[in-house]
């Protein structure tokens, strides 16, 4: 029996559509689960653990975190968090303009994008991962509240080798719970987030102290969220 090329194309197209629907359903269910359930670990945590860096991770709800750490992180990482839909087009445009001026392309990742990357994806740099990061960012913004996104970020963000989340970082660096962080401590913790494996809140460089001063001047414009 001779199979027509047109029939093969239809079959391939139908199978591709079916696969896409299955993947969409699976990823949507995955995101919905973490809307209500706190993750026991993330791919990044397992990666660091496999490299013998340990995994200090202690989940705390927003109400158990100092309002200062929320304000500091928003001032440092994503000042338009409450008004964008996952992508800060203004920051992306500014980053691209700087890049065309022969400067190194700086990051323009929002908190939502960082959550998508850290919670669902693998380490590395590739166009595939970037596309999946954008896809998961859209799902997160559609299915989660801003409170949940910020809560997730504050709990799974890497804050040093083997240290994840504000609670573990607070205990590690300042010997206190995240609920007891003061303004200066919170600003220092937020200041190191761009490269927490290189910088330390307890041994700040001149650059980190400048970032801390910047964060302190912008913190008050953000209202802490509560569960």
N, C-alpha and C. Protein backbone atom coordinates (compact mmCIF):
# COMPACT_ATOMS: atom_id res chain seq x y z
N UNK A 1 0.84 -1.20 0.00
CA UNK A 1 0.00 0.00 0.00
C UNK A 1 0.87 1.25 0.00
N UNK A 2 0.64 2.11 -0.94
CA UNK A 2 1.43 3.33 -1.08
C UNK A 2 0.87 4.43 -0.19
N UNK A 3 1.74 5.02 0.63
CA UNK A 3 1.33 6.10 1.52
C UNK A 3 1.63 7.43 0.86
N UNK A 4 0.63 8.28 0.76
CA UNK A 4 0.80 9.57 0.11
C UNK A 4 1.54 10.54 1.02
N UNK A 5 2.43 11.36 0.43
CA UNK A 5 3.15 12.37 1.21
C UNK A 5 2.21 13.31 1.95
N UNK A 6 1.06 13.64 1.31
CA UNK A 6 0.11 14.56 1.94
C UNK A 6 -0.47 13.93 3.21
N UNK A 7 -0.72 12.62 3.15
CA UNK A 7 -1.23 11.91 4.32
C UNK A 7 -0.19 11.89 5.44
N UNK A 8 1.09 11.72 5.08
CA UNK A 8 2.16 11.73 6.06
C UNK A 8 2.26 13.08 6.75
N UNK A 9 2.12 14.15 5.97
CA UNK A 9 2.19 15.49 6.53
C UNK A 9 1.04 15.74 7.51
N UNK A 10 -0.15 15.30 7.13
CA UNK A 10 -1.31 15.47 8.01
C UNK A 10 -1.12 14.70 9.31
N UNK A 11 -0.61 13.48 9.19
CA UNK A 11 -0.38 12.66 10.38
C UNK A 11 0.67 13.29 11.29
N UNK A 12 1.76 13.77 10.68
CA UNK A 12 2.82 14.40 11.46
C UNK A 12 2.31 15.67 12.14
N UNK A 13 1.52 16.44 11.42
CA UNK A 13 0.96 17.68 11.99
C UNK A 13 0.02 17.36 13.15
N UNK A 14 -0.82 16.35 12.97
CA UNK A 14 -1.76 15.95 14.01
C UNK A 14 -1.01 15.45 15.25
N UNK A 15 0.03 14.66 15.03
CA UNK A 15 0.81 14.14 16.16
C UNK A 15 1.53 15.27 16.88
N UNK A 16 2.05 16.24 16.12
CA UNK A 16 2.74 17.38 16.72
C UNK A 16 1.78 18.21 17.57
N UNK A 17 0.58 18.42 17.06
CA UNK A 17 -0.43 19.17 17.81
C UNK A 17 -0.82 18.44 19.09
N UNK A 18 -0.96 17.13 18.99
CA UNK A 18 -1.29 16.33 20.17
C UNK A 18 -0.20 16.43 21.22
N UNK A 19 1.06 16.35 20.76
CA UNK A 19 2.19 16.45 21.69
C UNK A 19 2.22 17.82 22.36
N UNK A 20 1.96 18.87 21.59
CA UNK A 20 1.97 20.22 22.16
C UNK A 20 0.87 20.39 23.21
N UNK A 21 -0.29 19.82 22.94
CA UNK A 21 -1.39 19.89 23.91
C UNK A 21 -1.03 19.15 25.19
N UNK A 22 -0.41 17.98 25.05
CA UNK A 22 0.01 17.20 26.22
C UNK A 22 1.04 17.97 27.04
N UNK A 23 2.01 18.57 26.36
CA UNK A 23 3.05 19.34 27.05
C UNK A 23 2.45 20.57 27.74
N UNK A 24 1.51 21.22 27.07
CA UNK A 24 0.86 22.39 27.67
C UNK A 24 0.08 21.99 28.92
N UNK A 25 -0.66 20.90 28.84
CA UNK A 25 -1.43 20.43 30.00
C UNK A 25 -0.50 20.06 31.15
N UNK A 26 0.59 19.38 30.83
CA UNK A 26 1.53 18.95 31.87
C UNK A 26 2.20 20.14 32.55
N UNK A 27 2.63 21.12 31.76
CA UNK A 27 3.30 22.28 32.34
C UNK A 27 2.33 23.15 33.13
N UNK A 28 1.10 23.26 32.65
CA UNK A 28 0.09 24.03 33.38
C UNK A 28 -0.22 23.37 34.72
N UNK A 29 -0.35 22.05 34.71
CA UNK A 29 -0.59 21.33 35.96
C UNK A 29 0.59 21.49 36.91
N UNK A 30 1.79 21.47 36.36
CA UNK A 30 3.01 21.65 37.16
C UNK A 30 3.00 23.01 37.87
N UNK A 31 2.66 24.06 37.13
CA UNK A 31 2.62 25.40 37.71
C UNK A 31 1.49 25.51 38.74
N UNK A 32 0.35 24.91 38.45
CA UNK A 32 -0.78 24.96 39.38
C UNK A 32 -0.46 24.27 40.70
N UNK A 33 0.28 23.17 40.64
CA UNK A 33 0.65 22.46 41.87
C UNK A 33 1.41 23.39 42.80
N UNK A 34 2.38 24.13 42.24
CA UNK A 34 3.21 24.99 43.08
C UNK A 34 2.52 26.32 43.44
N UNK A 35 1.33 26.50 42.93
CA UNK A 35 0.53 27.63 43.41
C UNK A 35 0.08 27.37 44.85
N UNK A 36 -0.11 26.09 45.19
CA UNK A 36 -0.63 25.73 46.51
C UNK A 36 0.37 24.97 47.37
N UNK A 37 1.34 24.31 46.75
CA UNK A 37 2.29 23.46 47.48
C UNK A 37 3.69 24.06 47.39
N UNK A 38 4.36 24.12 48.52
CA UNK A 38 5.73 24.64 48.55
C UNK A 38 6.69 23.57 48.04
N UNK A 39 7.59 23.92 47.15
CA UNK A 39 8.50 22.91 46.58
C UNK A 39 9.47 22.37 47.62
N UNK A 40 9.69 21.06 47.66
CA UNK A 40 10.67 20.49 48.60
C UNK A 40 12.11 20.79 48.20
N UNK A 41 12.31 21.09 46.92
CA UNK A 41 13.63 21.45 46.39
C UNK A 41 13.43 22.00 44.98
N UNK A 42 14.49 22.52 44.39
CA UNK A 42 14.46 22.99 43.00
C UNK A 42 15.59 22.31 42.23
N UNK A 43 15.55 22.35 40.91
CA UNK A 43 16.65 21.77 40.14
C UNK A 43 18.01 22.38 40.50
N UNK A 44 18.04 23.69 40.77
CA UNK A 44 19.31 24.32 41.16
C UNK A 44 19.82 23.77 42.48
N UNK A 45 18.92 23.57 43.44
CA UNK A 45 19.33 23.00 44.73
C UNK A 45 19.94 21.62 44.54
N UNK A 46 19.31 20.79 43.72
CA UNK A 46 19.84 19.44 43.47
C UNK A 46 21.19 19.51 42.76
N UNK A 47 21.32 20.46 41.85
CA UNK A 47 22.58 20.63 41.13
C UNK A 47 23.71 21.00 42.09
N UNK A 48 23.44 21.95 42.98
CA UNK A 48 24.45 22.36 43.96
C UNK A 48 24.75 21.21 44.94
N UNK A 49 23.71 20.49 45.31
CA UNK A 49 23.89 19.37 46.23
C UNK A 49 24.76 18.28 45.59
N UNK A 50 24.54 18.04 44.30
CA UNK A 50 25.33 17.05 43.59
C UNK A 50 26.80 17.44 43.53
N UNK A 51 27.06 18.75 43.60
CA UNK A 51 28.44 19.25 43.60
C UNK A 51 28.96 19.47 45.03
N UNK A 52 28.30 18.84 45.98
CA UNK A 52 28.74 18.79 47.38
C UNK A 52 28.81 20.17 48.03
N UNK A 53 27.85 21.02 47.70
CA UNK A 53 27.80 22.34 48.34
C UNK A 53 26.76 22.38 49.47
N UNK A 54 26.04 21.29 49.65
CA UNK A 54 25.01 21.26 50.68
C UNK A 54 23.74 21.93 50.22
N UNK A 55 22.72 21.90 51.08
CA UNK A 55 21.44 22.51 50.72
C UNK A 55 20.73 22.95 52.00
N UNK A 56 20.95 24.20 52.37
CA UNK A 56 20.26 24.78 53.52
C UNK A 56 19.05 25.55 52.98
N UNK A 57 17.86 25.01 53.23
CA UNK A 57 16.62 25.54 52.63
C UNK A 57 15.50 25.42 53.65
N UNK A 58 14.94 26.55 54.07
CA UNK A 58 13.92 26.56 55.12
C UNK A 58 12.77 27.47 54.67
N UNK A 59 11.67 26.88 54.30
CA UNK A 59 10.54 27.66 53.78
C UNK A 59 9.88 28.48 54.87
N UNK A 60 9.57 29.74 54.54
CA UNK A 60 8.82 30.62 55.43
C UNK A 60 7.79 31.39 54.60
N UNK A 61 6.58 31.54 55.14
CA UNK A 61 5.56 32.31 54.44
C UNK A 61 5.91 33.79 54.50
N UNK A 62 5.25 34.60 53.69
CA UNK A 62 5.52 36.03 53.69
C UNK A 62 5.33 36.65 55.06
N UNK A 63 4.32 36.18 55.79
CA UNK A 63 4.05 36.73 57.11
C UNK A 63 5.15 36.41 58.10
N UNK A 64 6.00 35.44 57.77
CA UNK A 64 7.11 35.05 58.65
C UNK A 64 8.43 35.69 58.23
N UNK A 65 8.38 36.54 57.23
CA UNK A 65 9.57 37.23 56.75
C UNK A 65 9.48 38.71 57.09
N UNK A 66 10.60 39.30 57.42
CA UNK A 66 10.63 40.72 57.71
C UNK A 66 10.12 41.52 56.51
N UNK A 67 9.27 42.52 56.72
CA UNK A 67 8.84 43.36 55.60
C UNK A 67 10.02 44.06 54.93
N UNK A 68 11.11 44.24 55.67
CA UNK A 68 12.27 44.91 55.09
C UNK A 68 12.92 44.09 53.98
N UNK A 69 12.91 42.75 54.10
CA UNK A 69 13.53 41.94 53.06
C UNK A 69 12.70 41.98 51.79
N UNK A 70 11.38 42.05 51.93
CA UNK A 70 10.53 42.24 50.74
C UNK A 70 10.85 43.55 50.05
N UNK A 71 10.87 44.62 50.83
CA UNK A 71 11.11 45.95 50.27
C UNK A 71 12.50 46.04 49.63
N UNK A 72 13.48 45.47 50.29
CA UNK A 72 14.85 45.54 49.79
C UNK A 72 15.00 44.77 48.48
N UNK A 73 14.40 43.59 48.40
CA UNK A 73 14.50 42.78 47.19
C UNK A 73 13.77 43.45 46.02
N UNK A 74 12.62 44.02 46.28
CA UNK A 74 11.91 44.73 45.22
C UNK A 74 12.70 45.93 44.75
N UNK A 75 13.30 46.67 45.68
CA UNK A 75 14.10 47.84 45.31
C UNK A 75 15.34 47.44 44.51
N UNK A 76 15.88 46.28 44.83
CA UNK A 76 17.11 45.83 44.19
C UNK A 76 16.88 45.11 42.87
N UNK A 77 15.91 44.19 42.86
CA UNK A 77 15.78 43.26 41.75
C UNK A 77 14.70 43.61 40.72
N UNK A 78 13.63 44.27 41.16
CA UNK A 78 12.50 44.41 40.23
C UNK A 78 11.55 45.50 40.72
N UNK A 79 11.90 46.74 40.46
CA UNK A 79 11.11 47.85 40.99
C UNK A 79 9.73 47.97 40.34
N UNK A 80 9.53 47.37 39.19
CA UNK A 80 8.23 47.43 38.50
C UNK A 80 7.47 46.12 38.65
N UNK A 81 7.84 45.33 39.65
CA UNK A 81 7.25 44.00 39.85
C UNK A 81 5.72 44.04 39.92
N UNK A 82 5.16 44.99 40.63
CA UNK A 82 3.72 45.03 40.85
C UNK A 82 2.94 45.49 39.62
N UNK A 83 3.60 46.08 38.64
CA UNK A 83 2.87 46.63 37.49
C UNK A 83 3.14 45.91 36.17
N UNK A 84 4.22 45.12 36.10
CA UNK A 84 4.45 44.42 34.83
C UNK A 84 3.78 43.05 34.87
N UNK A 85 3.74 42.40 33.70
CA UNK A 85 3.12 41.09 33.58
C UNK A 85 4.16 39.98 33.41
N UNK A 86 5.27 40.15 34.07
CA UNK A 86 6.32 39.14 33.99
C UNK A 86 7.55 39.60 33.24
N UNK A 87 7.37 40.56 32.33
CA UNK A 87 8.47 41.07 31.52
C UNK A 87 8.51 42.59 31.65
N UNK A 88 9.63 43.12 32.08
CA UNK A 88 9.77 44.56 32.21
C UNK A 88 10.33 45.10 30.90
N UNK A 89 9.43 45.49 30.01
CA UNK A 89 9.84 45.91 28.67
C UNK A 89 10.73 47.15 28.70
N UNK A 90 10.51 48.00 29.69
CA UNK A 90 11.34 49.19 29.82
C UNK A 90 12.79 48.81 30.10
N UNK A 91 12.99 47.89 31.04
CA UNK A 91 14.34 47.45 31.38
C UNK A 91 14.98 46.67 30.22
N UNK A 92 14.18 45.86 29.54
CA UNK A 92 14.70 45.11 28.39
C UNK A 92 15.16 46.06 27.30
N UNK A 93 14.36 47.10 27.03
CA UNK A 93 14.72 48.07 26.01
C UNK A 93 15.99 48.82 26.38
N UNK A 94 16.11 49.21 27.65
CA UNK A 94 17.31 49.92 28.10
C UNK A 94 18.54 49.03 27.99
N UNK A 95 18.38 47.75 28.32
CA UNK A 95 19.50 46.81 28.23
C UNK A 95 19.95 46.64 26.78
N UNK A 96 18.99 46.56 25.87
CA UNK A 96 19.33 46.42 24.45
C UNK A 96 20.00 47.67 23.90
N UNK A 97 19.55 48.84 24.34
CA UNK A 97 20.17 50.08 23.90
C UNK A 97 21.61 50.18 24.39
N UNK A 98 21.85 49.77 25.63
CA UNK A 98 23.22 49.76 26.14
C UNK A 98 24.08 48.79 25.35
N UNK A 99 23.48 47.65 24.99
CA UNK A 99 24.23 46.64 24.25
C UNK A 99 24.62 47.15 22.87
N UNK A 100 23.73 47.86 22.20
CA UNK A 100 24.06 48.40 20.88
C UNK A 100 25.14 49.46 20.98
N UNK A 101 25.31 50.03 22.18
CA UNK A 101 26.39 50.99 22.40
C UNK A 101 27.70 50.30 22.74
N UNK A 102 27.81 49.01 22.41
CA UNK A 102 29.03 48.20 22.59
C UNK A 102 29.36 47.93 24.05
N UNK A 103 28.36 48.07 24.91
CA UNK A 103 28.54 47.65 26.28
C UNK A 103 28.09 46.20 26.41
N UNK A 104 28.53 45.54 27.46
CA UNK A 104 28.10 44.16 27.71
C UNK A 104 26.61 44.15 28.01
N UNK A 105 25.90 43.21 27.41
CA UNK A 105 24.46 43.11 27.61
C UNK A 105 24.16 42.73 29.06
N UNK A 106 23.51 43.64 29.79
CA UNK A 106 23.19 43.36 31.18
C UNK A 106 21.87 42.62 31.29
N UNK A 107 21.67 41.97 32.40
CA UNK A 107 20.45 41.22 32.60
C UNK A 107 19.26 42.13 32.83
N UNK A 108 18.09 41.68 32.40
CA UNK A 108 16.85 42.43 32.63
C UNK A 108 15.78 41.47 33.13
N UNK A 109 16.21 40.46 33.87
CA UNK A 109 15.28 39.45 34.37
C UNK A 109 14.44 40.01 35.50
N UNK A 110 13.15 39.78 35.42
CA UNK A 110 12.25 40.15 36.51
C UNK A 110 12.25 39.06 37.56
N UNK A 111 11.63 39.34 38.69
CA UNK A 111 11.49 38.32 39.73
C UNK A 111 10.71 37.12 39.19
N UNK A 112 9.68 37.37 38.40
CA UNK A 112 8.89 36.28 37.82
C UNK A 112 9.74 35.39 36.92
N UNK A 113 10.59 36.01 36.12
CA UNK A 113 11.48 35.25 35.24
C UNK A 113 12.48 34.43 36.03
N UNK A 114 12.99 34.99 37.11
CA UNK A 114 13.95 34.26 37.94
C UNK A 114 13.29 33.07 38.63
N UNK A 115 12.03 33.25 39.06
CA UNK A 115 11.30 32.13 39.66
C UNK A 115 11.09 31.02 38.63
N UNK A 116 10.69 31.40 37.42
CA UNK A 116 10.49 30.40 36.36
C UNK A 116 11.77 29.62 36.10
N UNK A 117 12.87 30.34 36.03
CA UNK A 117 14.16 29.70 35.75
C UNK A 117 14.61 28.79 36.89
N UNK A 118 14.53 29.29 38.12
CA UNK A 118 15.05 28.52 39.26
C UNK A 118 14.16 27.35 39.66
N UNK A 119 12.85 27.50 39.46
CA UNK A 119 11.92 26.47 39.92
C UNK A 119 11.72 25.35 38.92
N UNK A 120 11.79 25.66 37.63
CA UNK A 120 11.40 24.67 36.63
C UNK A 120 12.51 24.23 35.66
N UNK A 121 13.59 24.99 35.57
CA UNK A 121 14.54 24.75 34.49
C UNK A 121 15.93 24.36 34.98
N UNK A 122 16.77 23.99 34.05
CA UNK A 122 18.11 23.51 34.32
C UNK A 122 19.12 24.66 34.23
N UNK A 123 20.35 24.38 34.64
CA UNK A 123 21.41 25.36 34.56
C UNK A 123 21.96 25.43 33.14
N UNK A 124 22.51 26.59 32.79
CA UNK A 124 23.09 26.75 31.47
C UNK A 124 22.47 27.90 30.71
N UNK A 125 23.02 28.15 29.52
CA UNK A 125 22.54 29.25 28.68
C UNK A 125 22.27 28.70 27.28
N UNK A 126 21.05 28.80 26.86
CA UNK A 126 20.68 28.36 25.51
C UNK A 126 19.37 29.04 25.12
N UNK A 127 19.11 29.11 23.83
CA UNK A 127 17.87 29.71 23.35
C UNK A 127 16.66 28.87 23.79
N UNK A 128 16.84 27.56 23.86
CA UNK A 128 15.75 26.70 24.30
C UNK A 128 15.35 27.03 25.73
N UNK A 129 16.34 27.18 26.60
CA UNK A 129 16.03 27.50 27.99
C UNK A 129 15.40 28.89 28.09
N UNK A 130 15.88 29.83 27.30
CA UNK A 130 15.30 31.18 27.31
C UNK A 130 13.84 31.16 26.90
N UNK A 131 13.52 30.37 25.87
CA UNK A 131 12.13 30.27 25.41
C UNK A 131 11.25 29.62 26.48
N UNK A 132 11.77 28.56 27.11
CA UNK A 132 11.00 27.91 28.17
C UNK A 132 10.84 28.82 29.38
N UNK A 133 11.88 29.62 29.67
CA UNK A 133 11.78 30.58 30.77
C UNK A 133 10.66 31.58 30.51
N UNK A 134 10.59 32.08 29.27
CA UNK A 134 9.53 33.01 28.92
C UNK A 134 8.15 32.35 29.02
N UNK A 135 8.08 31.10 28.56
CA UNK A 135 6.81 30.36 28.60
C UNK A 135 6.33 30.16 30.03
N UNK A 136 7.24 29.70 30.91
CA UNK A 136 6.86 29.48 32.31
C UNK A 136 6.55 30.80 33.01
N UNK A 137 7.22 31.87 32.60
CA UNK A 137 6.93 33.18 33.18
C UNK A 137 5.49 33.59 32.89
N UNK A 138 5.05 33.37 31.67
CA UNK A 138 3.67 33.67 31.30
C UNK A 138 2.69 32.86 32.14
N UNK A 139 2.96 31.56 32.28
CA UNK A 139 2.08 30.69 33.07
C UNK A 139 2.03 31.14 34.53
N UNK A 140 3.18 31.46 35.09
CA UNK A 140 3.24 31.90 36.49
C UNK A 140 2.42 33.17 36.69
N UNK A 141 2.58 34.12 35.80
CA UNK A 141 1.85 35.38 35.93
C UNK A 141 0.35 35.19 35.75
N UNK A 142 -0.03 34.23 34.93
CA UNK A 142 -1.45 33.96 34.71
C UNK A 142 -2.10 33.21 35.87
N UNK A 143 -1.35 32.29 36.48
CA UNK A 143 -1.94 31.35 37.43
C UNK A 143 -1.63 31.65 38.89
N UNK A 144 -0.62 32.47 39.15
CA UNK A 144 -0.26 32.81 40.53
C UNK A 144 -0.56 34.28 40.82
N UNK A 145 -0.69 34.59 42.09
CA UNK A 145 -0.78 35.99 42.51
C UNK A 145 0.63 36.56 42.64
N UNK A 146 0.73 37.88 42.68
CA UNK A 146 2.02 38.52 42.89
C UNK A 146 2.59 38.12 44.25
N UNK A 147 1.71 37.95 45.23
CA UNK A 147 2.17 37.53 46.56
C UNK A 147 2.87 36.18 46.48
N UNK A 148 2.27 35.24 45.74
CA UNK A 148 2.85 33.90 45.64
C UNK A 148 4.19 33.95 44.90
N UNK A 149 4.28 34.76 43.86
CA UNK A 149 5.52 34.86 43.10
C UNK A 149 6.64 35.40 43.99
N UNK A 150 6.35 36.46 44.73
CA UNK A 150 7.36 37.05 45.61
C UNK A 150 7.73 36.09 46.73
N UNK A 151 6.74 35.42 47.30
CA UNK A 151 7.00 34.44 48.36
C UNK A 151 7.91 33.33 47.84
N UNK A 152 7.63 32.84 46.65
CA UNK A 152 8.44 31.78 46.06
C UNK A 152 9.88 32.26 45.86
N UNK A 153 10.02 33.46 45.32
CA UNK A 153 11.35 33.99 45.07
C UNK A 153 12.16 34.11 46.35
N UNK A 154 11.55 34.67 47.38
CA UNK A 154 12.26 34.89 48.65
C UNK A 154 12.64 33.58 49.32
N UNK A 155 12.01 32.48 48.93
CA UNK A 155 12.31 31.19 49.54
C UNK A 155 13.26 30.32 48.73
N UNK A 156 13.33 30.50 47.42
CA UNK A 156 14.18 29.62 46.62
C UNK A 156 15.39 30.32 46.02
N UNK A 157 15.48 31.64 46.17
CA UNK A 157 16.63 32.36 45.62
C UNK A 157 17.92 31.87 46.27
N UNK A 158 18.96 31.74 45.45
CA UNK A 158 20.27 31.34 45.97
C UNK A 158 20.92 32.54 46.65
N UNK A 159 21.37 32.34 47.92
CA UNK A 159 21.95 33.44 48.68
C UNK A 159 23.36 33.11 49.15
N UNK A 160 24.00 32.21 48.47
CA UNK A 160 25.34 31.78 48.83
C UNK A 160 25.49 30.31 48.54
N UNK A 161 26.69 29.79 48.66
CA UNK A 161 26.93 28.38 48.36
C UNK A 161 26.16 27.48 49.33
N UNK A 162 25.21 26.73 48.77
CA UNK A 162 24.41 25.82 49.58
C UNK A 162 23.35 26.51 50.42
N UNK A 163 23.14 27.80 50.22
CA UNK A 163 22.18 28.57 51.02
C UNK A 163 21.07 29.09 50.13
N UNK A 164 19.84 28.71 50.45
CA UNK A 164 18.69 29.07 49.62
C UNK A 164 17.58 29.68 50.47
N UNK A 165 17.09 30.82 50.02
CA UNK A 165 15.98 31.46 50.69
C UNK A 165 16.40 32.40 51.79
N UNK A 166 15.50 33.35 52.11
CA UNK A 166 15.80 34.39 53.08
C UNK A 166 16.03 33.86 54.48
N UNK A 167 15.28 32.82 54.88
CA UNK A 167 15.43 32.29 56.23
C UNK A 167 16.81 31.67 56.42
N UNK A 168 17.20 30.80 55.53
CA UNK A 168 18.52 30.16 55.64
C UNK A 168 19.63 31.19 55.57
N UNK A 169 19.47 32.19 54.71
CA UNK A 169 20.49 33.23 54.57
C UNK A 169 20.59 34.09 55.82
N UNK A 170 19.45 34.42 56.41
CA UNK A 170 19.46 35.24 57.63
C UNK A 170 20.18 34.53 58.76
N UNK A 171 19.90 33.24 58.92
CA UNK A 171 20.55 32.45 59.97
C UNK A 171 22.05 32.33 59.69
N UNK A 172 22.37 32.10 58.42
CA UNK A 172 23.77 31.89 58.04
C UNK A 172 24.61 33.16 58.22
N UNK A 173 24.09 34.30 57.76
CA UNK A 173 24.88 35.53 57.75
C UNK A 173 24.74 36.36 59.03
N UNK A 174 23.54 36.38 59.61
CA UNK A 174 23.30 37.28 60.73
C UNK A 174 22.84 36.58 62.02
N UNK A 175 22.78 35.25 61.98
CA UNK A 175 22.39 34.46 63.16
C UNK A 175 21.04 34.90 63.73
N UNK A 176 20.12 35.20 62.84
CA UNK A 176 18.76 35.56 63.27
C UNK A 176 17.77 35.03 62.25
N UNK A 177 16.52 34.94 62.66
CA UNK A 177 15.48 34.51 61.73
C UNK A 177 15.17 35.64 60.74
N UNK A 178 14.64 35.27 59.59
CA UNK A 178 14.31 36.27 58.58
C UNK A 178 13.25 37.25 59.06
N UNK A 179 12.46 36.85 60.02
CA UNK A 179 11.43 37.74 60.57
C UNK A 179 12.06 38.88 61.36
N UNK A 180 13.30 38.71 61.81
CA UNK A 180 13.96 39.71 62.67
C UNK A 180 14.95 40.60 61.92
N UNK A 181 15.06 40.44 60.61
CA UNK A 181 16.01 41.26 59.84
C UNK A 181 15.67 42.74 59.96
N UNK A 182 16.69 43.58 60.17
CA UNK A 182 16.46 45.02 60.17
C UNK A 182 16.71 45.59 58.78
N UNK A 183 16.54 46.89 58.63
CA UNK A 183 16.67 47.51 57.30
C UNK A 183 18.06 47.31 56.70
N UNK A 184 19.10 47.56 57.48
CA UNK A 184 20.46 47.44 56.96
C UNK A 184 20.78 46.01 56.54
N UNK A 185 20.40 45.06 57.37
CA UNK A 185 20.66 43.65 57.05
C UNK A 185 19.92 43.23 55.78
N UNK A 186 18.67 43.63 55.68
CA UNK A 186 17.87 43.30 54.49
C UNK A 186 18.47 43.92 53.24
N UNK A 187 18.91 45.16 53.34
CA UNK A 187 19.51 45.84 52.18
C UNK A 187 20.80 45.16 51.76
N UNK A 188 21.60 44.73 52.72
CA UNK A 188 22.83 44.02 52.39
C UNK A 188 22.54 42.68 51.73
N UNK A 189 21.53 41.98 52.22
CA UNK A 189 21.18 40.70 51.61
C UNK A 189 20.70 40.88 50.18
N UNK A 190 19.89 41.91 49.96
CA UNK A 190 19.39 42.17 48.61
C UNK A 190 20.52 42.63 47.69
N UNK A 191 21.49 43.33 48.24
CA UNK A 191 22.57 43.88 47.42
C UNK A 191 23.43 42.81 46.77
N UNK A 192 23.53 41.63 47.40
CA UNK A 192 24.40 40.58 46.86
C UNK A 192 23.68 39.65 45.89
N UNK A 193 22.37 39.80 45.72
CA UNK A 193 21.60 38.84 44.92
C UNK A 193 22.07 38.70 43.46
N UNK A 194 22.57 39.75 42.82
CA UNK A 194 23.03 39.53 41.44
C UNK A 194 24.14 38.48 41.33
N UNK A 195 24.93 38.31 42.39
CA UNK A 195 26.00 37.31 42.36
C UNK A 195 26.29 36.81 43.78
N UNK A 196 25.36 36.06 44.35
CA UNK A 196 25.49 35.64 45.75
C UNK A 196 26.61 34.64 46.01
N UNK A 197 27.13 34.04 44.97
CA UNK A 197 28.23 33.10 45.15
C UNK A 197 29.58 33.81 45.20
N UNK A 198 29.58 35.07 44.81
CA UNK A 198 30.81 35.87 44.83
C UNK A 198 30.82 36.85 46.00
N UNK A 199 29.67 37.45 46.29
CA UNK A 199 29.58 38.49 47.32
C UNK A 199 28.94 37.95 48.60
N UNK A 200 29.24 38.61 49.70
CA UNK A 200 28.69 38.22 51.00
C UNK A 200 28.14 39.44 51.72
N UNK A 201 26.94 39.33 52.34
CA UNK A 201 26.39 40.45 53.10
C UNK A 201 27.25 40.83 54.30
N UNK A 202 28.00 39.87 54.83
CA UNK A 202 28.79 40.15 56.03
C UNK A 202 30.21 40.62 55.72
N UNK A 203 30.59 40.56 54.44
CA UNK A 203 31.90 41.08 54.02
C UNK A 203 31.69 41.91 52.74
N UNK A 204 30.95 43.01 52.87
CA UNK A 204 30.59 43.79 51.68
C UNK A 204 31.77 44.54 51.07
N UNK A 205 31.85 44.50 49.77
CA UNK A 205 32.84 45.30 49.05
C UNK A 205 32.33 46.74 48.94
N UNK A 206 33.15 47.62 48.41
CA UNK A 206 32.72 49.01 48.21
C UNK A 206 31.52 49.06 47.28
N UNK A 207 31.53 48.20 46.26
CA UNK A 207 30.40 48.17 45.32
C UNK A 207 29.12 47.73 46.02
N UNK A 208 29.20 46.73 46.88
CA UNK A 208 28.02 46.26 47.61
C UNK A 208 27.49 47.33 48.54
N UNK A 209 28.39 48.08 49.17
CA UNK A 209 27.96 49.16 50.05
C UNK A 209 27.24 50.25 49.26
N UNK A 210 27.67 50.50 48.03
CA UNK A 210 26.98 51.47 47.16
C UNK A 210 25.60 50.95 46.79
N UNK A 211 25.52 49.66 46.48
CA UNK A 211 24.22 49.06 46.18
C UNK A 211 23.30 49.12 47.40
N UNK A 212 23.85 48.85 48.56
CA UNK A 212 23.07 48.92 49.79
C UNK A 212 22.48 50.32 49.98
N UNK A 213 23.30 51.34 49.78
CA UNK A 213 22.84 52.73 49.93
C UNK A 213 21.72 53.03 48.94
N UNK A 214 21.86 52.55 47.72
CA UNK A 214 20.82 52.75 46.70
C UNK A 214 19.52 52.07 47.13
N UNK A 215 19.63 50.84 47.60
CA UNK A 215 18.45 50.08 48.02
C UNK A 215 17.74 50.76 49.18
N UNK A 216 18.50 51.23 50.15
CA UNK A 216 17.92 51.90 51.32
C UNK A 216 17.12 53.14 50.92
N UNK A 217 17.58 53.85 49.90
CA UNK A 217 16.88 55.07 49.49
C UNK A 217 15.60 54.78 48.72
N UNK A 218 15.43 53.53 48.25
CA UNK A 218 14.25 53.19 47.44
C UNK A 218 13.28 52.24 48.15
N UNK A 219 13.66 51.69 49.28
CA UNK A 219 12.84 50.68 49.94
C UNK A 219 11.45 51.17 50.32
N UNK A 220 11.36 52.39 50.80
CA UNK A 220 10.10 52.87 51.37
C UNK A 220 8.99 53.04 50.34
N UNK A 221 9.33 53.02 49.06
CA UNK A 221 8.29 53.18 48.05
C UNK A 221 7.52 51.88 47.79
N UNK A 222 7.94 50.80 48.44
CA UNK A 222 7.29 49.51 48.24
C UNK A 222 6.54 49.08 49.50
N UNK A 223 5.28 48.73 49.32
CA UNK A 223 4.46 48.27 50.42
C UNK A 223 4.59 46.75 50.55
N UNK A 224 4.99 46.26 51.74
CA UNK A 224 5.13 44.81 51.93
C UNK A 224 3.82 44.07 51.67
N UNK A 225 3.92 42.90 51.06
CA UNK A 225 2.77 42.05 50.82
C UNK A 225 2.62 41.07 51.97
N UNK A 226 1.40 40.63 52.20
CA UNK A 226 1.12 39.67 53.27
C UNK A 226 0.28 38.53 52.74
N UNK A 227 0.41 37.35 53.37
CA UNK A 227 -0.40 36.19 52.99
C UNK A 227 -1.86 36.46 53.31
